[in-house]
Amino acid sequence: SIPAKEELFHDFLLSRRTINEFESDLPSHWEDALYQAIEAATFAPNHKRTEPWRFHLLGPEKIRNVCELNAKLVTASKGEKAGEKKLNRWLAMPGWLVVTCVGNDDDTLDDPSGIAREDYAACCCAVQNLCLSLHANGMGTKWTTGPVNFDPEFGKAAGIPSNEYVVGTMWFGTPSSLPKPPAKKRSVEDVLTKHT
């Protein structure tokens, strides 16, 4: 049987949720919790030991820049009312952290054995560590990868150096409510193949 401590950790892993609604103010311990979460992120698996992850904590000016850029994109595709609604929703997000990966012009994600793919995978593992660490500190997260993250103007809006590309924008804060776990389409038996 699984020891109690490990069982608790397993339950903790399964209890993390994507949070869509946050309290308007960050908790008093948010900076310490974020620092701890970034430290945890840097302990993610990293095959080539390149430590490609970078973390950009956005302040009010950069947040507004990104929100306005996103609203412009939404307005162009869905109309002014939708753009204004999106602007107001995004401006209400309490914490903003953009996770990036240091790029290498000589390597692409298309090369299965290339450093670019290894580095992107490492950054994704780092994001999961970050989310779990914030969850352990009573905070929720949402990892967003919408079109604005990949718009040519995003780097300037958020202050991202040109040699980095976006892995995702993380919203964080105190959850307004905890969503129920999503229904899983597949069981462990559906995704696990036992080979001889």
C-alpha atoms as a PDB file:
ATOM      1  CA  SER A   1       0.000   0.000   0.000  1.00  0.00           C
ATOM      2  CA  ILE A   2       1.029   3.641  -0.526  1.00  0.00           C
ATOM      3  CA  PRO A   3       2.342   5.430   2.610  1.00  0.00           C
ATOM      4  CA  ALA A   4       0.105   8.202   3.992  1.00  0.00           C
ATOM      5  CA  LYS A   5       2.529  11.026   3.152  1.00  0.00           C
ATOM      6  CA  GLU A   6       2.750   9.948  -0.495  1.00  0.00           C
ATOM      7  CA  GLU A   7      -1.033   9.512  -0.650  1.00  0.00           C
ATOM      8  CA  LEU A   8      -1.465  13.089   0.583  1.00  0.00           C
ATOM      9  CA  PHE A   9       0.943  14.346  -2.059  1.00  0.00           C
ATOM     10  CA  HIS A  10      -0.932  12.425  -4.751  1.00  0.00           C
ATOM     11  CA  ASP A  11      -4.237  13.945  -3.578  1.00  0.00           C
ATOM     12  CA  PHE A  12      -2.601  17.383  -3.636  1.00  0.00           C
ATOM     13  CA  LEU A  13      -1.484  16.896  -7.254  1.00  0.00           C
ATOM     14  CA  LEU A  14      -5.008  15.909  -8.258  1.00  0.00           C
ATOM     15  CA  SER A  15      -6.537  18.921  -6.477  1.00  0.00           C
ATOM     16  CA  ARG A  16      -4.828  21.605  -8.594  1.00  0.00           C
ATOM     17  CA  ARG A  17      -7.263  23.372 -10.902  1.00  0.00           C
ATOM     18  CA  THR A  18      -7.142  26.005 -13.617  1.00  0.00           C
ATOM     19  CA  ILE A  19      -8.671  29.090 -12.014  1.00  0.00           C
ATOM     20  CA  ASN A  20     -10.785  31.419 -14.126  1.00  0.00           C
ATOM     21  CA  GLU A  21     -12.011  33.805 -11.433  1.00  0.00           C
ATOM     22  CA  PHE A  22      -9.782  35.486  -8.840  1.00  0.00           C
ATOM     23  CA  GLU A  23     -10.246  37.809  -5.888  1.00  0.00           C
ATOM     24  CA  SER A  24      -9.360  41.359  -6.945  1.00  0.00           C
ATOM     25  CA  ASP A  25      -6.416  41.730  -4.544  1.00  0.00           C
ATOM     26  CA  LEU A  26      -3.376  39.514  -4.263  1.00  0.00           C
ATOM     27  CA  PRO A  27      -2.846  37.875  -0.849  1.00  0.00           C
ATOM     28  CA  SER A  28      -0.350  39.500   1.510  1.00  0.00           C
ATOM     29  CA  HIS A  29       2.184  36.686   1.031  1.00  0.00           C
ATOM     30  CA  TRP A  30       2.062  36.701  -2.776  1.00  0.00           C
ATOM     31  CA  GLU A  31       5.618  37.915  -3.407  1.00  0.00           C
ATOM     32  CA  ASP A  32       7.179  35.278  -1.148  1.00  0.00           C
ATOM     33  CA  ALA A  33       4.924  32.616  -2.666  1.00  0.00           C
ATOM     34  CA  LEU A  34       5.828  33.676  -6.205  1.00  0.00           C
ATOM     35  CA  TYR A  35       9.557  33.695  -5.435  1.00  0.00           C
ATOM     36  CA  GLN A  36       9.239  30.195  -3.987  1.00  0.00           C
ATOM     37  CA  ALA A  37       7.225  29.072  -7.013  1.00  0.00           C
ATOM     38  CA  ILE A  38       9.846  30.385  -9.443  1.00  0.00           C
ATOM     39  CA  GLU A  39      12.522  28.578  -7.468  1.00  0.00           C
ATOM     40  CA  ALA A  40      10.476  25.365  -7.759  1.00  0.00           C
ATOM     41  CA  ALA A  41      10.075  26.022 -11.478  1.00  0.00           C
ATOM     42  CA  THR A  42      13.843  26.154 -11.938  1.00  0.00           C
ATOM     43  CA  PHE A  43      14.108  22.623 -10.549  1.00  0.00           C
ATOM     44  CA  ALA A  44      12.124  21.198 -13.480  1.00  0.00           C
ATOM     45  CA  PRO A  45      13.706  18.458 -15.592  1.00  0.00           C
ATOM     46  CA  ASN A  46      16.109  20.012 -18.086  1.00  0.00           C
ATOM     47  CA  HIS A  47      17.902  17.438 -20.221  1.00  0.00           C
ATOM     48  CA  LYS A  48      20.590  19.683 -21.676  1.00  0.00           C
ATOM     49  CA  ARG A  49      20.953  21.743 -18.471  1.00  0.00           C
ATOM     50  CA  THR A  50      20.405  24.940 -20.466  1.00  0.00           C
ATOM     51  CA  GLU A  51      18.012  26.485 -17.901  1.00  0.00           C
ATOM     52  CA  PRO A  52      16.081  28.171 -20.739  1.00  0.00           C
ATOM     53  CA  TRP A  53      13.180  29.514 -18.667  1.00  0.00           C
ATOM     54  CA  ARG A  54      12.686  33.198 -17.935  1.00  0.00           C
ATOM     55  CA  PHE A  55       9.957  34.804 -15.830  1.00  0.00           C
ATOM     56  CA  HIS A  56       8.609  38.307 -16.406  1.00  0.00           C
ATOM     57  CA  LEU A  57       6.465  39.752 -13.612  1.00  0.00           C
ATOM     58  CA  LEU A  58       4.335  42.415 -15.267  1.00  0.00           C
ATOM     59  CA  GLY A  59       3.539  45.677 -13.511  1.00  0.00           C
ATOM     60  CA  PRO A  60       0.514  47.938 -14.144  1.00  0.00           C
ATOM     61  CA  GLU A  61       1.910  49.577 -17.297  1.00  0.00           C
ATOM     62  CA  LYS A  62       2.855  46.319 -19.019  1.00  0.00           C
ATOM     63  CA  ILE A  63      -0.405  44.660 -17.941  1.00  0.00           C
ATOM     64  CA  ARG A  64      -2.385  47.499 -19.528  1.00  0.00           C
ATOM     65  CA  ASN A  65      -0.267  47.268 -22.696  1.00  0.00           C
ATOM     66  CA  VAL A  66      -0.991  43.547 -23.044  1.00  0.00           C
ATOM     67  CA  CYS A  67      -4.689  43.959 -22.218  1.00  0.00           C
ATOM     68  CA  GLU A  68      -5.085  46.733 -24.776  1.00  0.00           C
ATOM     69  CA  LEU A  69      -3.248  44.711 -27.435  1.00  0.00           C
ATOM     70  CA  ASN A  70      -5.501  41.733 -26.740  1.00  0.00           C
ATOM     71  CA  ALA A  71      -8.615  43.930 -26.863  1.00  0.00           C
ATOM     72  CA  LYS A  72      -7.453  45.274 -30.233  1.00  0.00           C
ATOM     73  CA  LEU A  73      -7.108  41.723 -31.586  1.00  0.00           C
ATOM     74  CA  VAL A  74     -10.502  40.681 -30.205  1.00  0.00           C
ATOM     75  CA  THR A  75     -12.151  43.826 -31.583  1.00  0.00           C
ATOM     76  CA  ALA A  76     -10.711  43.106 -35.029  1.00  0.00           C
ATOM     77  CA  SER A  77     -12.112  39.568 -35.068  1.00  0.00           C
ATOM     78  CA  LYS A  78     -15.299  39.825 -32.977  1.00  0.00           C
ATOM     79  CA  GLY A  79     -16.273  43.480 -32.784  1.00  0.00           C
ATOM     80  CA  GLU A  80     -15.940  46.437 -30.432  1.00  0.00           C
ATOM     81  CA  LYS A  81     -18.295  45.149 -27.729  1.00  0.00           C
ATOM     82  CA  ALA A  82     -16.378  41.865 -27.436  1.00  0.00           C
ATOM     83  CA  GLY A  83     -13.066  43.744 -27.333  1.00  0.00           C
ATOM     84  CA  GLU A  84     -14.267  46.016 -24.526  1.00  0.00           C
ATOM     85  CA  LYS A  85     -15.597  43.052 -22.539  1.00  0.00           C
ATOM     86  CA  LYS A  86     -12.264  41.234 -22.915  1.00  0.00           C
ATOM     87  CA  LEU A  87     -10.323  44.357 -21.905  1.00  0.00           C
ATOM     88  CA  ASN A  88     -12.308  44.717 -18.672  1.00  0.00           C
ATOM     89  CA  ARG A  89     -11.999  41.015 -17.833  1.00  0.00           C
ATOM     90  CA  TRP A  90      -8.255  40.941 -18.393  1.00  0.00           C
ATOM     91  CA  LEU A  91      -7.635  44.139 -16.444  1.00  0.00           C
ATOM     92  CA  ALA A  92      -9.339  42.449 -13.466  1.00  0.00           C
ATOM     93  CA  MET A  93      -6.704  39.691 -13.301  1.00  0.00           C
ATOM     94  CA  PRO A  94      -4.632  40.338 -10.160  1.00  0.00           C
ATOM     95  CA  GLY A  95      -1.231  38.767 -10.961  1.00  0.00           C
ATOM     96  CA  TRP A  96       0.579  38.489 -14.299  1.00  0.00           C
ATOM     97  CA  LEU A  97       3.686  36.429 -15.005  1.00  0.00           C
ATOM     98  CA  VAL A  98       4.893  35.755 -18.539  1.00  0.00           C
ATOM     99  CA  VAL A  99       6.987  32.603 -18.872  1.00  0.00           C
ATOM    100  CA  THR A 100       9.376  32.586 -21.803  1.00  0.00           C
ATOM    101  CA  CYS A 101      12.035  30.348 -23.277  1.00  0.00           C
ATOM    102  CA  VAL A 102      15.380  31.614 -24.500  1.00  0.00           C
ATOM    103  CA  GLY A 103      15.430  30.867 -28.214  1.00  0.00           C
ATOM    104  CA  ASN A 104      18.167  29.678 -30.515  1.00  0.00           C
ATOM    105  CA  ASP A 105      17.932  30.735 -34.160  1.00  0.00           C
ATOM    106  CA  ASP A 106      19.829  27.631 -35.267  1.00  0.00           C
ATOM    107  CA  ASP A 107      17.346  25.167 -33.743  1.00  0.00           C
ATOM    108  CA  THR A 108      13.642  24.527 -34.357  1.00  0.00           C
ATOM    109  CA  LEU A 109      10.903  22.608 -32.587  1.00  0.00           C
ATOM    110  CA  ASP A 110      10.647  20.453 -35.723  1.00  0.00           C
ATOM    111  CA  ASP A 111      13.919  18.687 -34.865  1.00  0.00           C
ATOM    112  CA  PRO A 112      12.920  15.933 -32.386  1.00  0.00           C
ATOM    113  CA  SER A 113      16.443  15.709 -30.981  1.00  0.00           C
ATOM    114  CA  GLY A 114      17.158  19.431 -31.050  1.00  0.00           C
ATOM    115  CA  ILE A 115      17.757  21.705 -28.102  1.00  0.00           C
ATOM    116  CA  ALA A 116      14.722  23.862 -28.956  1.00  0.00           C
ATOM    117  CA  ARG A 117      12.320  20.997 -28.319  1.00  0.00           C
ATOM    118  CA  GLU A 118      14.153  19.985 -25.149  1.00  0.00           C
ATOM    119  CA  ASP A 119      14.085  23.576 -23.895  1.00  0.00           C
ATOM    120  CA  TYR A 120      10.374  24.047 -24.637  1.00  0.00           C
ATOM    121  CA  ALA A 121       9.576  20.790 -22.831  1.00  0.00           C
ATOM    122  CA  ALA A 122      11.682  21.919 -19.858  1.00  0.00           C
ATOM    123  CA  CYS A 123       9.805  25.232 -19.726  1.00  0.00           C
ATOM    124  CA  CYS A 124       6.464  23.416 -19.747  1.00  0.00           C
ATOM    125  CA  CYS A 125       7.656  21.291 -16.819  1.00  0.00           C
ATOM    126  CA  ALA A 126       8.756  24.508 -15.098  1.00  0.00           C
ATOM    127  CA  VAL A 127       5.266  25.969 -15.521  1.00  0.00           C
ATOM    128  CA  GLN A 128       3.710  22.897 -13.899  1.00  0.00           C
ATOM    129  CA  ASN A 129       6.112  23.176 -10.943  1.00  0.00           C
ATOM    130  CA  LEU A 130       5.253  26.872 -10.653  1.00  0.00           C
ATOM    131  CA  CYS A 131       1.505  26.160 -10.652  1.00  0.00           C
ATOM    132  CA  LEU A 132       1.834  23.410  -8.059  1.00  0.00           C
ATOM    133  CA  SER A 133       3.984  25.567  -5.783  1.00  0.00           C
ATOM    134  CA  LEU A 134       1.498  28.443  -5.897  1.00  0.00           C
ATOM    135  CA  HIS A 135      -1.301  25.933  -5.272  1.00  0.00           C
ATOM    136  CA  ALA A 136       0.579  24.739  -2.163  1.00  0.00           C
ATOM    137  CA  ASN A 137       0.552  28.360  -0.965  1.00  0.00           C
ATOM    138  CA  GLY A 138      -3.209  28.710  -1.397  1.00  0.00           C
ATOM    139  CA  MET A 139      -3.038  30.516  -4.723  1.00  0.00           C
ATOM    140  CA  GLY A 140      -4.554  29.612  -8.045  1.00  0.00           C
ATOM    141  CA  THR A 141      -3.226  29.955 -11.578  1.00  0.00           C
ATOM    142  CA  LYS A 142      -4.353  29.997 -15.178  1.00  0.00           C
ATOM    143  CA  TRP A 143      -1.879  29.252 -17.942  1.00  0.00           C
ATOM    144  CA  THR A 144      -3.001  31.199 -21.010  1.00  0.00           C
ATOM    145  CA  THR A 145      -1.679  30.751 -24.541  1.00  0.00           C
ATOM    146  CA  GLY A 146      -4.102  32.842 -26.581  1.00  0.00           C
ATOM    147  CA  PRO A 147      -3.267  34.596 -29.862  1.00  0.00           C
ATOM    148  CA  VAL A 148      -2.031  37.754 -28.105  1.00  0.00           C
ATOM    149  CA  ASN A 149       0.937  35.817 -26.701  1.00  0.00           C
ATOM    150  CA  PHE A 150       2.184  35.154 -30.219  1.00  0.00           C
ATOM    151  CA  ASP A 151       1.317  38.481 -31.805  1.00  0.00           C
ATOM    152  CA  PRO A 152       4.410  40.324 -33.142  1.00  0.00           C
ATOM    153  CA  GLU A 153       3.580  43.295 -30.874  1.00  0.00           C
ATOM    154  CA  PHE A 154       3.413  41.220 -27.672  1.00  0.00           C
ATOM    155  CA  GLY A 155       7.139  41.355 -26.908  1.00  0.00           C
ATOM    156  CA  LYS A 156       7.190  45.143 -26.937  1.00  0.00           C
ATOM    157  CA  ALA A 157       3.905  45.396 -25.010  1.00  0.00           C
ATOM    158  CA  ALA A 158       5.138  43.093 -22.238  1.00  0.00           C
ATOM    159  CA  GLY A 159       8.832  44.029 -22.309  1.00  0.00           C
ATOM    160  CA  ILE A 160      10.065  40.628 -23.489  1.00  0.00           C
ATOM    161  CA  PRO A 161      13.572  40.517 -25.031  1.00  0.00           C
ATOM    162  CA  SER A 162      13.691  39.549 -28.707  1.00  0.00           C
ATOM    163  CA  ASN A 163      15.731  36.389 -28.024  1.00  0.00           C
ATOM    164  CA  GLU A 164      12.910  34.875 -25.925  1.00  0.00           C
ATOM    165  CA  TYR A 165       9.590  33.405 -27.032  1.00  0.00           C
ATOM    166  CA  VAL A 166       6.434  33.042 -24.977  1.00  0.00           C
ATOM    167  CA  VAL A 167       5.548  29.711 -23.373  1.00  0.00           C
ATOM    168  CA  GLY A 168       2.503  31.221 -21.690  1.00  0.00           C
ATOM    169  CA  THR A 169       1.087  34.010 -19.623  1.00  0.00           C
ATOM    170  CA  MET A 170       0.260  32.969 -16.081  1.00  0.00           C
ATOM    171  CA  TRP A 171      -2.518  34.686 -14.174  1.00  0.00           C
ATOM    172  CA  PHE A 172      -2.277  34.093 -10.444  1.00  0.00           C
ATOM    173  CA  GLY A 173      -4.024  35.092  -7.239  1.00  0.00           C
ATOM    174  CA  THR A 174      -6.550  33.935  -4.679  1.00  0.00           C
ATOM    175  CA  PRO A 175      -9.261  31.827  -6.315  1.00  0.00           C
ATOM    176  CA  SER A 176     -12.799  33.232  -5.988  1.00  0.00           C
ATOM    177  CA  SER A 177     -14.023  29.643  -6.050  1.00  0.00           C
ATOM    178  CA  LEU A 178     -12.587  26.228  -6.769  1.00  0.00           C
ATOM    179  CA  PRO A 179     -13.957  24.559  -9.889  1.00  0.00           C
ATOM    180  CA  LYS A 180     -14.949  20.926  -9.818  1.00  0.00           C
ATOM    181  CA  PRO A 181     -12.517  18.544 -11.484  1.00  0.00           C
ATOM    182  CA  PRO A 182     -13.147  18.209 -15.207  1.00  0.00           C
ATOM    183  CA  ALA A 183     -14.554  14.912 -16.381  1.00  0.00           C
ATOM    184  CA  LYS A 184     -11.753  12.759 -17.699  1.00  0.00           C
ATOM    185  CA  LYS A 185     -12.364  11.268 -21.125  1.00  0.00           C
ATOM    186  CA  ARG A 186      -9.892   8.460 -20.600  1.00  0.00           C
ATOM    187  CA  SER A 187      -8.974   6.310 -17.626  1.00  0.00           C
ATOM    188  CA  VAL A 188      -5.453   5.180 -16.730  1.00  0.00           C
ATOM    189  CA  GLU A 189      -6.259   1.888 -18.459  1.00  0.00           C
ATOM    190  CA  ASP A 190      -7.122   3.830 -21.639  1.00  0.00           C
ATOM    191  CA  VAL A 191      -3.783   5.644 -21.779  1.00  0.00           C
ATOM    192  CA  LEU A 192      -1.418   3.013 -20.369  1.00  0.00           C
ATOM    193  CA  THR A 193      -0.102   0.310 -22.666  1.00  0.00           C
ATOM    194  CA  LYS A 194       1.787  -2.528 -21.013  1.00  0.00           C
ATOM    195  CA  HIS A 195       4.402  -3.974 -23.343  1.00  0.00           C
ATOM    196  CA  THR A 196       6.072  -7.341 -23.026  1.00  0.00           C
END
